Amino acid sequence: MPMYQGNRCASEHALQNGEVDPAVKALEARQDEIMRKLYELKAAVEGLAKTVTTPDADLDLTVSSSLSSHSPSSSCSVLQGTADLNALLGQDLGALRDIVINANPAQPPLTLLVLHGLLCQRYRVLSTVHIHSSVSSVPPQLLSCLGPRHADSYIRQRFQLGFTLIWKDVPKLQMKFSVQNMCPIEGEANVARFLFRLLAPYPSDPALATLVDSWVDTAFFQLAEGSAKERAAVLRALNAALGRGSWLVGSELSLADIACYCCVLRSGPASSTPANVQRWLKSCDNLGLFGPTMALLQ
C-alpha cells in the first residue's frame, strides 16, 4: 500500500505536467486484472457453494467448465405468454435462483437445452457446466452446450437465474432448486414442465393443459423409450394432429411441440416421418430455437 500511494502521488504529478508515467499505467492495469481475477474466483466459489447447499446436492464435483450467460433480448416472439419470476419462485432480493441439473452425458437432455436457450432470451441467466467424478470423459460439444463465457460471469448479482448442468452417471435426470424445502424433481419431462412455466403459463383451459401434458408424456415414454411399434403409432398420431393445425396444442408453439420435436429427431431420421410431421419439423426449424441443440445429435 505505501508503494501504491507513492505511485498515486507520482501519477497526479505526472498528470499535472500533461504526461502519464508508463510504470503507473502498468501498475493500474495490473491492479485491475488482479481485481477481475479475484471477483472471478469469488463467483466460482459462490457458485459451488450454491450447488453444495442445494438439497441433496453433490459434494464431489471435480471439473468446472466454462461459465456463460446470455443477455435477455427483446421479448421472445415464439412464446406470447409471460411469467412473473417472483410470483413463481418467490421474491428473494439479492439472491440468485439456482437451478441445478444432474444429467447423463450418454443421454443429453435436448429438451432442457432448448428451454435453456429460451430462458436466456427472457432472463439474465448465469450458466455453468460441471463434470462429476462418476464420469470419466465428456465430449467437447457437451461442455460448451450452454454457450460461451460471458464477460460479467464473475458478478453473480447481475443475473436473475443460475443454470448449472452437471454431467453425471445417473440413471434418471434430476433437478434441484435453491428452495430448501423443495424435493428434487426427477425425469426430463417433469423438469421440462418446471422450466417451461418460467417462460409462459400453461393454457388456462384445463383440457388444453391436459393435452400438453399428454403429448409431453407420449414424447418421452413412447417416442424416446418405446418400442418400434409404439414409435410408429405416435408418429401416426402426430401426423393426424398436425393435419388439423400448425402446432400440436393451440395456435402457437408449446412445450408439447418442443418435447415431441426433440424426441422425434432422437428416435430416427426426419425423412422417415409422415408428411405432416415433416412439414411441422421444418416449421420448428424455421424458429431458430433448435439448431444449436440438434447439433449435439450429429
C-alpha atoms as a PDB file:
ATOM      1  CA  MET A   1       0.000   0.000   0.000  1.00  0.00           C
ATOM      2  CA  PRO A   2       2.753   2.572   0.698  1.00  0.00           C
ATOM      3  CA  MET A   3       4.216   1.860  -2.744  1.00  0.00           C
ATOM      4  CA  TYR A   4       0.787   2.245  -4.308  1.00  0.00           C
ATOM      5  CA  GLN A   5       0.199   5.597  -2.552  1.00  0.00           C
ATOM      6  CA  GLY A   6       3.577   6.797  -3.705  1.00  0.00           C
ATOM      7  CA  ASN A   7       2.833   5.826  -7.274  1.00  0.00           C
ATOM      8  CA  ARG A   8      -0.558   7.509  -6.981  1.00  0.00           C
ATOM      9  CA  CYS A   9       1.159  10.775  -5.995  1.00  0.00           C
ATOM     10  CA  ALA A  10       3.601  10.365  -8.852  1.00  0.00           C
ATOM     11  CA  SER A  11       0.652   9.795 -11.176  1.00  0.00           C
ATOM     12  CA  GLU A  12      -1.060  13.006 -10.038  1.00  0.00           C
ATOM     13  CA  HIS A  13       2.196  14.928 -10.525  1.00  0.00           C
ATOM     14  CA  ALA A  14       2.621  13.462 -13.986  1.00  0.00           C
ATOM     15  CA  LEU A  15      -0.938  14.379 -14.945  1.00  0.00           C
ATOM     16  CA  GLN A  16      -0.307  17.989 -13.894  1.00  0.00           C
ATOM     17  CA  ASN A  17       2.529  18.109 -16.405  1.00  0.00           C
ATOM     18  CA  GLY A  18       0.334  16.572 -19.093  1.00  0.00           C
ATOM     19  CA  GLU A  19       2.156  13.246 -19.036  1.00  0.00           C
ATOM     20  CA  VAL A  20       1.322   9.742 -17.821  1.00  0.00           C
ATOM     21  CA  ASP A  21       4.075   7.612 -16.382  1.00  0.00           C
ATOM     22  CA  PRO A  22       4.065   4.229 -18.234  1.00  0.00           C
ATOM     23  CA  ALA A  23       5.014   2.493 -14.986  1.00  0.00           C
ATOM     24  CA  VAL A  24       1.940   3.933 -13.274  1.00  0.00           C
ATOM     25  CA  LYS A  25      -0.300   2.843 -16.164  1.00  0.00           C
ATOM     26  CA  ALA A  26       1.147  -0.661 -15.964  1.00  0.00           C
ATOM     27  CA  LEU A  27       0.572  -0.753 -12.200  1.00  0.00           C
ATOM     28  CA  GLU A  28      -3.060   0.324 -12.593  1.00  0.00           C
ATOM     29  CA  ALA A  29      -3.658  -2.238 -15.328  1.00  0.00           C
ATOM     30  CA  ARG A  30      -2.141  -4.946 -13.150  1.00  0.00           C
ATOM     31  CA  GLN A  31      -4.362  -3.944 -10.223  1.00  0.00           C
ATOM     32  CA  ASP A  32      -7.460  -4.054 -12.445  1.00  0.00           C
ATOM     33  CA  GLU A  33      -6.508  -7.528 -13.660  1.00  0.00           C
ATOM     34  CA  ILE A  34      -5.944  -8.762 -10.097  1.00  0.00           C
ATOM     35  CA  MET A  35      -9.338  -7.420  -9.018  1.00  0.00           C
ATOM     36  CA  ARG A  36     -11.014  -9.049 -12.019  1.00  0.00           C
ATOM     37  CA  LYS A  37      -9.471 -12.417 -11.154  1.00  0.00           C
ATOM     38  CA  LEU A  38     -10.458 -12.046  -7.505  1.00  0.00           C
ATOM     39  CA  TYR A  39     -14.080 -11.354  -8.473  1.00  0.00           C
ATOM     40  CA  GLU A  40     -13.979 -14.306 -10.846  1.00  0.00           C
ATOM     41  CA  LEU A  41     -12.649 -16.586  -8.119  1.00  0.00           C
ATOM     42  CA  LYS A  42     -15.268 -15.296  -5.689  1.00  0.00           C
ATOM     43  CA  ALA A  43     -18.034 -16.010  -8.213  1.00  0.00           C
ATOM     44  CA  ALA A  44     -16.746 -19.538  -8.809  1.00  0.00           C
ATOM     45  CA  VAL A  45     -16.626 -20.272  -5.071  1.00  0.00           C
ATOM     46  CA  GLU A  46     -20.109 -18.812  -4.561  1.00  0.00           C
ATOM     47  CA  GLY A  47     -21.419 -20.891  -7.457  1.00  0.00           C
ATOM     48  CA  LEU A  48     -20.050 -24.114  -5.976  1.00  0.00           C
ATOM     49  CA  ALA A  49     -21.361 -23.131  -2.562  1.00  0.00           C
ATOM     50  CA  LYS A  50     -24.823 -22.655  -4.043  1.00  0.00           C
ATOM     51  CA  THR A  51     -24.597 -26.095  -5.608  1.00  0.00           C
ATOM     52  CA  VAL A  52     -23.422 -27.714  -2.388  1.00  0.00           C
ATOM     53  CA  THR A  53     -26.149 -26.116  -0.266  1.00  0.00           C
ATOM     54  CA  THR A  54     -28.913 -27.137  -2.658  1.00  0.00           C
ATOM     55  CA  PRO A  55     -30.966 -30.009  -1.151  1.00  0.00           C
ATOM     56  CA  ASP A  56     -29.266 -33.379  -1.712  1.00  0.00           C
ATOM     57  CA  ALA A  57     -26.567 -31.715  -3.791  1.00  0.00           C
ATOM     58  CA  ASP A  58     -23.398 -33.468  -4.852  1.00  0.00           C
ATOM     59  CA  LEU A  59     -20.219 -32.784  -2.954  1.00  0.00           C
ATOM     60  CA  ASP A  60     -17.692 -34.390  -5.273  1.00  0.00           C
ATOM     61  CA  LEU A  61     -17.637 -32.115  -8.283  1.00  0.00           C
ATOM     62  CA  THR A  62     -14.249 -32.315  -9.909  1.00  0.00           C
ATOM     63  CA  VAL A  63     -14.004 -30.248 -13.073  1.00  0.00           C
ATOM     64  CA  SER A  64     -15.700 -26.946 -13.775  1.00  0.00           C
ATOM     65  CA  SER A  65     -16.185 -25.904 -17.369  1.00  0.00           C
ATOM     66  CA  SER A  66     -16.992 -22.533 -18.863  1.00  0.00           C
ATOM     67  CA  LEU A  67     -19.295 -20.030 -17.231  1.00  0.00           C
ATOM     68  CA  SER A  68     -21.741 -18.499 -19.651  1.00  0.00           C
ATOM     69  CA  SER A  69     -24.668 -16.176 -19.798  1.00  0.00           C
ATOM     70  CA  HIS A  70     -26.885 -14.563 -22.364  1.00  0.00           C
ATOM     71  CA  SER A  71     -28.338 -11.115 -22.098  1.00  0.00           C
ATOM     72  CA  PRO A  72     -32.108 -11.072 -22.498  1.00  0.00           C
ATOM     73  CA  SER A  73     -33.056  -9.970 -25.971  1.00  0.00           C
ATOM     74  CA  SER A  74     -36.319  -8.419 -26.980  1.00  0.00           C
ATOM     75  CA  SER A  75     -39.418 -10.259 -25.863  1.00  0.00           C
ATOM     76  CA  CYS A  76     -39.370 -13.773 -27.260  1.00  0.00           C
ATOM     77  CA  SER A  77     -41.713 -13.866 -30.266  1.00  0.00           C
ATOM     78  CA  VAL A  78     -42.122 -17.632 -30.092  1.00  0.00           C
ATOM     79  CA  LEU A  79     -43.901 -17.697 -26.723  1.00  0.00           C
ATOM     80  CA  GLN A  80     -46.510 -14.985 -26.392  1.00  0.00           C
ATOM     81  CA  GLY A  81     -47.269 -15.570 -22.706  1.00  0.00           C
ATOM     82  CA  THR A  82     -45.232 -14.084 -19.883  1.00  0.00           C
ATOM     83  CA  ALA A  83     -44.254 -15.434 -16.493  1.00  0.00           C
ATOM     84  CA  ASP A  84     -43.555 -13.487 -13.300  1.00  0.00           C
ATOM     85  CA  LEU A  85     -40.382 -14.934 -11.785  1.00  0.00           C
ATOM     86  CA  ASN A  86     -41.152 -13.571  -8.316  1.00  0.00           C
ATOM     87  CA  ALA A  87     -44.683 -14.957  -8.394  1.00  0.00           C
ATOM     88  CA  LEU A  88     -43.458 -18.403  -9.436  1.00  0.00           C
ATOM     89  CA  LEU A  89     -40.326 -18.736  -7.307  1.00  0.00           C
ATOM     90  CA  GLY A  90     -40.921 -16.256  -4.513  1.00  0.00           C
ATOM     91  CA  GLN A  91     -39.251 -12.887  -4.132  1.00  0.00           C
ATOM     92  CA  ASP A  92     -35.682 -13.262  -2.941  1.00  0.00           C
ATOM     93  CA  LEU A  93     -33.949  -9.909  -3.245  1.00  0.00           C
ATOM     94  CA  GLY A  94     -30.229 -10.034  -3.816  1.00  0.00           C
ATOM     95  CA  ALA A  95     -30.114 -13.825  -4.240  1.00  0.00           C
ATOM     96  CA  LEU A  96     -29.640 -15.795  -7.420  1.00  0.00           C
ATOM     97  CA  ARG A  97     -32.224 -18.538  -8.012  1.00  0.00           C
ATOM     98  CA  ASP A  98     -30.126 -21.591  -8.779  1.00  0.00           C
ATOM     99  CA  ILE A  99     -31.361 -24.474 -10.909  1.00  0.00           C
ATOM    100  CA  VAL A 100     -29.019 -27.479 -10.643  1.00  0.00           C
ATOM    101  CA  ILE A 101     -29.483 -30.388 -13.066  1.00  0.00           C
ATOM    102  CA  ASN A 102     -27.738 -33.767 -12.987  1.00  0.00           C
ATOM    103  CA  ALA A 103     -27.776 -35.397 -16.426  1.00  0.00           C
ATOM    104  CA  ASN A 104     -26.115 -38.419 -18.007  1.00  0.00           C
ATOM    105  CA  PRO A 105     -23.886 -37.444 -20.962  1.00  0.00           C
ATOM    106  CA  ALA A 106     -24.954 -40.668 -22.713  1.00  0.00           C
ATOM    107  CA  GLN A 107     -28.469 -39.168 -22.915  1.00  0.00           C
ATOM    108  CA  PRO A 108     -28.177 -35.377 -23.312  1.00  0.00           C
ATOM    109  CA  PRO A 109     -31.433 -33.642 -22.255  1.00  0.00           C
ATOM    110  CA  LEU A 110     -32.161 -31.946 -25.586  1.00  0.00           C
ATOM    111  CA  THR A 111     -35.493 -30.514 -24.451  1.00  0.00           C
ATOM    112  CA  LEU A 112     -33.883 -28.823 -21.452  1.00  0.00           C
ATOM    113  CA  LEU A 113     -31.151 -27.306 -23.607  1.00  0.00           C
ATOM    114  CA  VAL A 114     -33.792 -25.789 -25.897  1.00  0.00           C
ATOM    115  CA  LEU A 115     -35.632 -24.404 -22.862  1.00  0.00           C
ATOM    116  CA  HIS A 116     -32.337 -23.031 -21.522  1.00  0.00           C
ATOM    117  CA  GLY A 117     -31.966 -21.049 -24.740  1.00  0.00           C
ATOM    118  CA  LEU A 118     -35.481 -19.660 -24.323  1.00  0.00           C
ATOM    119  CA  LEU A 119     -34.781 -18.765 -20.689  1.00  0.00           C
ATOM    120  CA  CYS A 120     -31.730 -16.816 -21.821  1.00  0.00           C
ATOM    121  CA  GLN A 121     -33.962 -14.776 -24.138  1.00  0.00           C
ATOM    122  CA  ARG A 122     -36.309 -13.915 -21.281  1.00  0.00           C
ATOM    123  CA  TYR A 123     -33.985 -13.581 -18.260  1.00  0.00           C
ATOM    124  CA  ARG A 124     -30.375 -12.842 -17.359  1.00  0.00           C
ATOM    125  CA  VAL A 125     -29.044 -16.388 -16.871  1.00  0.00           C
ATOM    126  CA  LEU A 126     -25.691 -17.394 -15.388  1.00  0.00           C
ATOM    127  CA  SER A 127     -24.952 -20.807 -16.897  1.00  0.00           C
ATOM    128  CA  THR A 128     -22.328 -23.288 -15.728  1.00  0.00           C
ATOM    129  CA  VAL A 129     -21.278 -26.785 -16.800  1.00  0.00           C
ATOM    130  CA  HIS A 130     -19.514 -29.218 -14.457  1.00  0.00           C
ATOM    131  CA  ILE A 131     -18.253 -32.792 -14.738  1.00  0.00           C
ATOM    132  CA  HIS A 132     -18.958 -35.166 -11.862  1.00  0.00           C
ATOM    133  CA  SER A 133     -16.274 -37.593 -10.729  1.00  0.00           C
ATOM    134  CA  SER A 134     -18.505 -40.525 -11.789  1.00  0.00           C
ATOM    135  CA  VAL A 135     -17.944 -39.559 -15.446  1.00  0.00           C
ATOM    136  CA  SER A 136     -14.552 -40.248 -16.979  1.00  0.00           C
ATOM    137  CA  SER A 137     -14.900 -38.006 -20.034  1.00  0.00           C
ATOM    138  CA  VAL A 138     -17.415 -35.756 -21.758  1.00  0.00           C
ATOM    139  CA  PRO A 139     -17.405 -34.742 -25.455  1.00  0.00           C
ATOM    140  CA  PRO A 140     -16.347 -31.120 -26.024  1.00  0.00           C
ATOM    141  CA  GLN A 141     -19.727 -30.169 -27.502  1.00  0.00           C
ATOM    142  CA  LEU A 142     -21.422 -31.115 -24.235  1.00  0.00           C
ATOM    143  CA  LEU A 143     -19.031 -28.958 -22.233  1.00  0.00           C
ATOM    144  CA  SER A 144     -19.963 -25.940 -24.347  1.00  0.00           C
ATOM    145  CA  CYS A 145     -23.666 -26.766 -24.746  1.00  0.00           C
ATOM    146  CA  LEU A 146     -24.799 -23.762 -22.675  1.00  0.00           C
ATOM    147  CA  GLY A 147     -22.927 -21.209 -24.733  1.00  0.00           C
ATOM    148  CA  PRO A 148     -19.728 -19.171 -24.440  1.00  0.00           C
ATOM    149  CA  ARG A 149     -18.425 -17.467 -21.354  1.00  0.00           C
ATOM    150  CA  HIS A 150     -19.778 -14.017 -20.611  1.00  0.00           C
ATOM    151  CA  ALA A 151     -17.572 -11.122 -19.552  1.00  0.00           C
ATOM    152  CA  ASP A 152     -19.717 -10.446 -16.463  1.00  0.00           C
ATOM    153  CA  SER A 153     -19.960 -14.065 -15.333  1.00  0.00           C
ATOM    154  CA  TYR A 154     -17.964 -13.326 -12.161  1.00  0.00           C
ATOM    155  CA  ILE A 155     -20.581 -10.835 -10.895  1.00  0.00           C
ATOM    156  CA  ARG A 156     -23.445 -13.074  -9.786  1.00  0.00           C
ATOM    157  CA  GLN A 157     -25.696 -10.263  -8.625  1.00  0.00           C
ATOM    158  CA  ARG A 158     -26.171  -9.138 -12.222  1.00  0.00           C
ATOM    159  CA  PHE A 159     -28.162 -12.280 -13.072  1.00  0.00           C
ATOM    160  CA  GLN A 160     -31.683 -13.484 -12.278  1.00  0.00           C
ATOM    161  CA  LEU A 161     -31.282 -17.233 -12.702  1.00  0.00           C
ATOM    162  CA  GLY A 162     -28.438 -19.676 -12.223  1.00  0.00           C
ATOM    163  CA  PHE A 163     -28.496 -22.699 -14.552  1.00  0.00           C
ATOM    164  CA  THR A 164     -25.957 -25.350 -13.507  1.00  0.00           C
ATOM    165  CA  LEU A 165     -25.669 -28.516 -15.584  1.00  0.00           C
ATOM    166  CA  ILE A 166     -23.681 -31.384 -14.036  1.00  0.00           C
ATOM    167  CA  TRP A 167     -22.731 -34.267 -16.323  1.00  0.00           C
ATOM    168  CA  LYS A 168     -23.037 -37.242 -14.018  1.00  0.00           C
ATOM    169  CA  ASP A 169     -23.571 -41.006 -14.265  1.00  0.00           C
ATOM    170  CA  VAL A 170     -27.222 -41.026 -13.153  1.00  0.00           C
ATOM    171  CA  PRO A 171     -30.000 -43.422 -14.262  1.00  0.00           C
ATOM    172  CA  LYS A 172     -32.542 -40.607 -14.446  1.00  0.00           C
ATOM    173  CA  LEU A 173     -32.193 -36.866 -14.893  1.00  0.00           C
ATOM    174  CA  GLN A 174     -32.654 -34.911 -11.682  1.00  0.00           C
ATOM    175  CA  MET A 175     -33.184 -31.232 -10.955  1.00  0.00           C
ATOM    176  CA  LYS A 176     -32.646 -29.463  -7.638  1.00  0.00           C
ATOM    177  CA  PHE A 177     -33.683 -25.922  -6.855  1.00  0.00           C
ATOM    178  CA  SER A 178     -32.415 -23.471  -4.266  1.00  0.00           C
ATOM    179  CA  VAL A 179     -35.616 -23.526  -2.219  1.00  0.00           C
ATOM    180  CA  GLN A 180     -34.573 -25.547   0.838  1.00  0.00           C
ATOM    181  CA  ASN A 181     -37.880 -27.341   1.340  1.00  0.00           C
ATOM    182  CA  MET A 182     -38.306 -28.356  -2.286  1.00  0.00           C
ATOM    183  CA  CYS A 183     -37.970 -32.039  -3.168  1.00  0.00           C
ATOM    184  CA  PRO A 184     -35.780 -32.926  -6.174  1.00  0.00           C
ATOM    185  CA  ILE A 185     -37.629 -33.273  -9.486  1.00  0.00           C
ATOM    186  CA  GLU A 186     -36.807 -36.407 -11.495  1.00  0.00           C
ATOM    187  CA  GLY A 187     -37.242 -37.129 -15.183  1.00  0.00           C
ATOM    188  CA  GLU A 188     -36.676 -34.903 -18.197  1.00  0.00           C
ATOM    189  CA  ALA A 189     -40.422 -34.492 -18.776  1.00  0.00           C
ATOM    190  CA  ASN A 190     -41.069 -33.173 -15.263  1.00  0.00           C
ATOM    191  CA  VAL A 191     -38.066 -30.850 -15.306  1.00  0.00           C
ATOM    192  CA  ALA A 192     -39.166 -29.545 -18.716  1.00  0.00           C
ATOM    193  CA  ARG A 193     -42.579 -28.684 -17.246  1.00  0.00           C
ATOM    194  CA  PHE A 194     -40.907 -26.754 -14.407  1.00  0.00           C
ATOM    195  CA  LEU A 195     -38.668 -24.773 -16.767  1.00  0.00           C
ATOM    196  CA  PHE A 196     -41.435 -24.041 -19.263  1.00  0.00           C
ATOM    197  CA  ARG A 197     -43.544 -22.458 -16.536  1.00  0.00           C
ATOM    198  CA  LEU A 198     -40.728 -19.938 -16.045  1.00  0.00           C
ATOM    199  CA  LEU A 199     -41.301 -18.876 -19.654  1.00  0.00           C
ATOM    200  CA  ALA A 200     -45.059 -18.923 -20.150  1.00  0.00           C
ATOM    201  CA  PRO A 201     -48.103 -20.197 -18.295  1.00  0.00           C
ATOM    202  CA  TYR A 202     -49.818 -23.409 -19.301  1.00  0.00           C
ATOM    203  CA  PRO A 203     -53.106 -22.966 -21.205  1.00  0.00           C
ATOM    204  CA  SER A 204     -55.858 -21.743 -18.891  1.00  0.00           C
ATOM    205  CA  ASP A 205     -58.230 -24.260 -20.458  1.00  0.00           C
ATOM    206  CA  PRO A 206     -57.849 -27.474 -18.405  1.00  0.00           C
ATOM    207  CA  ALA A 207     -58.489 -29.603 -21.491  1.00  0.00           C
ATOM    208  CA  LEU A 208     -55.669 -27.922 -23.441  1.00  0.00           C
ATOM    209  CA  ALA A 209     -53.311 -28.090 -20.446  1.00  0.00           C
ATOM    210  CA  THR A 210     -54.027 -31.814 -20.138  1.00  0.00           C
ATOM    211  CA  LEU A 211     -53.382 -32.249 -23.857  1.00  0.00           C
ATOM    212  CA  VAL A 212     -49.967 -30.584 -23.483  1.00  0.00           C
ATOM    213  CA  ASP A 213     -49.071 -32.940 -20.631  1.00  0.00           C
ATOM    214  CA  SER A 214     -50.297 -35.928 -22.637  1.00  0.00           C
ATOM    215  CA  TRP A 215     -48.059 -35.091 -25.599  1.00  0.00           C
ATOM    216  CA  VAL A 216     -45.064 -34.499 -23.314  1.00  0.00           C
ATOM    217  CA  ASP A 217     -45.503 -37.916 -21.679  1.00  0.00           C
ATOM    218  CA  THR A 218     -46.059 -39.547 -25.065  1.00  0.00           C
ATOM    219  CA  ALA A 219     -42.857 -37.998 -26.389  1.00  0.00           C
ATOM    220  CA  PHE A 220     -40.628 -39.227 -23.578  1.00  0.00           C
ATOM    221  CA  PHE A 221     -42.201 -42.570 -22.723  1.00  0.00           C
ATOM    222  CA  GLN A 222     -43.180 -43.804 -26.207  1.00  0.00           C
ATOM    223  CA  LEU A 223     -41.085 -41.907 -28.744  1.00  0.00           C
ATOM    224  CA  ALA A 224     -37.844 -41.779 -26.773  1.00  0.00           C
ATOM    225  CA  GLU A 225     -38.100 -45.011 -24.771  1.00  0.00           C
ATOM    226  CA  GLY A 226     -40.803 -47.081 -26.517  1.00  0.00           C
ATOM    227  CA  SER A 227     -40.596 -49.961 -28.972  1.00  0.00           C
ATOM    228  CA  ALA A 228     -40.574 -49.546 -32.745  1.00  0.00           C
ATOM    229  CA  LYS A 229     -44.293 -50.310 -32.784  1.00  0.00           C
ATOM    230  CA  GLU A 230     -45.006 -47.630 -30.184  1.00  0.00           C
ATOM    231  CA  ARG A 231     -42.928 -45.054 -32.056  1.00  0.00           C
ATOM    232  CA  ALA A 232     -44.776 -45.793 -35.275  1.00  0.00           C
ATOM    233  CA  ALA A 233     -48.122 -45.341 -33.508  1.00  0.00           C
ATOM    234  CA  VAL A 234     -47.023 -41.991 -32.068  1.00  0.00           C
ATOM    235  CA  LEU A 235     -45.874 -40.747 -35.473  1.00  0.00           C
ATOM    236  CA  ARG A 236     -49.290 -41.612 -36.916  1.00  0.00           C
ATOM    237  CA  ALA A 237     -50.964 -39.729 -34.060  1.00  0.00           C
ATOM    238  CA  LEU A 238     -48.676 -36.738 -34.609  1.00  0.00           C
ATOM    239  CA  ASN A 239     -49.423 -36.770 -38.329  1.00  0.00           C
ATOM    240  CA  ALA A 240     -53.169 -36.760 -37.664  1.00  0.00           C
ATOM    241  CA  ALA A 241     -52.946 -33.958 -35.073  1.00  0.00           C
ATOM    242  CA  LEU A 242     -50.760 -31.798 -37.313  1.00  0.00           C
ATOM    243  CA  GLY A 243     -53.211 -32.235 -40.160  1.00  0.00           C
ATOM    244  CA  ARG A 244     -55.677 -30.159 -38.109  1.00  0.00           C
ATOM    245  CA  GLY A 245     -53.320 -27.314 -37.175  1.00  0.00           C
ATOM    246  CA  SER A 246     -49.794 -25.938 -37.435  1.00  0.00           C
ATOM    247  CA  TRP A 247     -48.951 -26.783 -33.814  1.00  0.00           C
ATOM    248  CA  LEU A 248     -49.882 -29.649 -31.544  1.00  0.00           C
ATOM    249  CA  VAL A 249     -51.858 -27.613 -28.994  1.00  0.00           C
ATOM    250  CA  GLY A 250     -53.438 -24.263 -29.732  1.00  0.00           C
ATOM    251  CA  SER A 251     -52.245 -21.662 -32.203  1.00  0.00           C
ATOM    252  CA  GLU A 252     -48.622 -21.299 -31.069  1.00  0.00           C
ATOM    253  CA  LEU A 253     -45.594 -23.319 -30.075  1.00  0.00           C
ATOM    254  CA  SER A 254     -45.936 -25.052 -26.717  1.00  0.00           C
ATOM    255  CA  LEU A 255     -43.981 -27.469 -24.562  1.00  0.00           C
ATOM    256  CA  ALA A 256     -45.736 -30.263 -26.457  1.00  0.00           C
ATOM    257  CA  ASP A 257     -44.029 -29.192 -29.698  1.00  0.00           C
ATOM    258  CA  ILE A 258     -40.611 -28.763 -28.055  1.00  0.00           C
ATOM    259  CA  ALA A 259     -40.703 -32.183 -26.387  1.00  0.00           C
ATOM    260  CA  CYS A 260     -42.061 -34.015 -29.426  1.00  0.00           C
ATOM    261  CA  TYR A 261     -39.612 -32.311 -31.799  1.00  0.00           C
ATOM    262  CA  CYS A 262     -36.589 -33.364 -29.742  1.00  0.00           C
ATOM    263  CA  CYS A 263     -37.843 -36.918 -29.272  1.00  0.00           C
ATOM    264  CA  VAL A 264     -38.803 -37.365 -32.952  1.00  0.00           C
ATOM    265  CA  LEU A 265     -35.306 -36.459 -34.112  1.00  0.00           C
ATOM    266  CA  ARG A 266     -33.733 -38.547 -31.357  1.00  0.00           C
ATOM    267  CA  SER A 267     -35.762 -41.593 -32.425  1.00  0.00           C
ATOM    268  CA  GLY A 268     -34.684 -41.612 -36.081  1.00  0.00           C
ATOM    269  CA  PRO A 269     -34.133 -39.624 -39.313  1.00  0.00           C
ATOM    270  CA  ALA A 270     -36.703 -36.971 -40.141  1.00  0.00           C
ATOM    271  CA  SER A 271     -37.027 -38.260 -43.704  1.00  0.00           C
ATOM    272  CA  SER A 272     -38.819 -41.366 -42.422  1.00  0.00           C
ATOM    273  CA  THR A 273     -41.646 -39.382 -40.773  1.00  0.00           C
ATOM    274  CA  PRO A 274     -45.097 -38.759 -42.345  1.00  0.00           C
ATOM    275  CA  ALA A 275     -45.768 -35.687 -44.485  1.00  0.00           C
ATOM    276  CA  ASN A 276     -47.494 -33.528 -41.862  1.00  0.00           C
ATOM    277  CA  VAL A 277     -44.761 -34.310 -39.337  1.00  0.00           C
ATOM    278  CA  GLN A 278     -42.058 -33.317 -41.826  1.00  0.00           C
ATOM    279  CA  ARG A 279     -43.828 -30.019 -42.517  1.00  0.00           C
ATOM    280  CA  TRP A 280     -44.091 -29.386 -38.764  1.00  0.00           C
ATOM    281  CA  LEU A 281     -40.394 -30.211 -38.257  1.00  0.00           C
ATOM    282  CA  LYS A 282     -39.489 -27.599 -40.882  1.00  0.00           C
ATOM    283  CA  SER A 283     -41.704 -25.043 -39.132  1.00  0.00           C
ATOM    284  CA  CYS A 284     -39.863 -25.755 -35.879  1.00  0.00           C
ATOM    285  CA  ASP A 285     -36.506 -25.430 -37.645  1.00  0.00           C
ATOM    286  CA  ASN A 286     -37.527 -22.033 -39.029  1.00  0.00           C
ATOM    287  CA  LEU A 287     -37.919 -20.692 -35.486  1.00  0.00           C
ATOM    288  CA  GLY A 288     -34.165 -20.977 -34.942  1.00  0.00           C
ATOM    289  CA  LEU A 289     -34.531 -22.477 -31.470  1.00  0.00           C
ATOM    290  CA  PHE A 290     -33.345 -25.995 -32.095  1.00  0.00           C
ATOM    291  CA  GLY A 291     -30.230 -25.568 -34.260  1.00  0.00           C
ATOM    292  CA  PRO A 292     -27.540 -25.439 -31.542  1.00  0.00           C
ATOM    293  CA  THR A 293     -29.166 -28.243 -29.586  1.00  0.00           C
ATOM    294  CA  MET A 294     -29.710 -30.530 -32.550  1.00  0.00           C
ATOM    295  CA  ALA A 295     -26.019 -30.206 -33.405  1.00  0.00           C
ATOM    296  CA  LEU A 296     -25.402 -32.488 -30.410  1.00  0.00           C
ATOM    297  CA  LEU A 297     -27.050 -35.343 -32.331  1.00  0.00           C
ATOM    298  CA  GLN A 298     -24.597 -35.110 -35.231  1.00  0.00           C
END
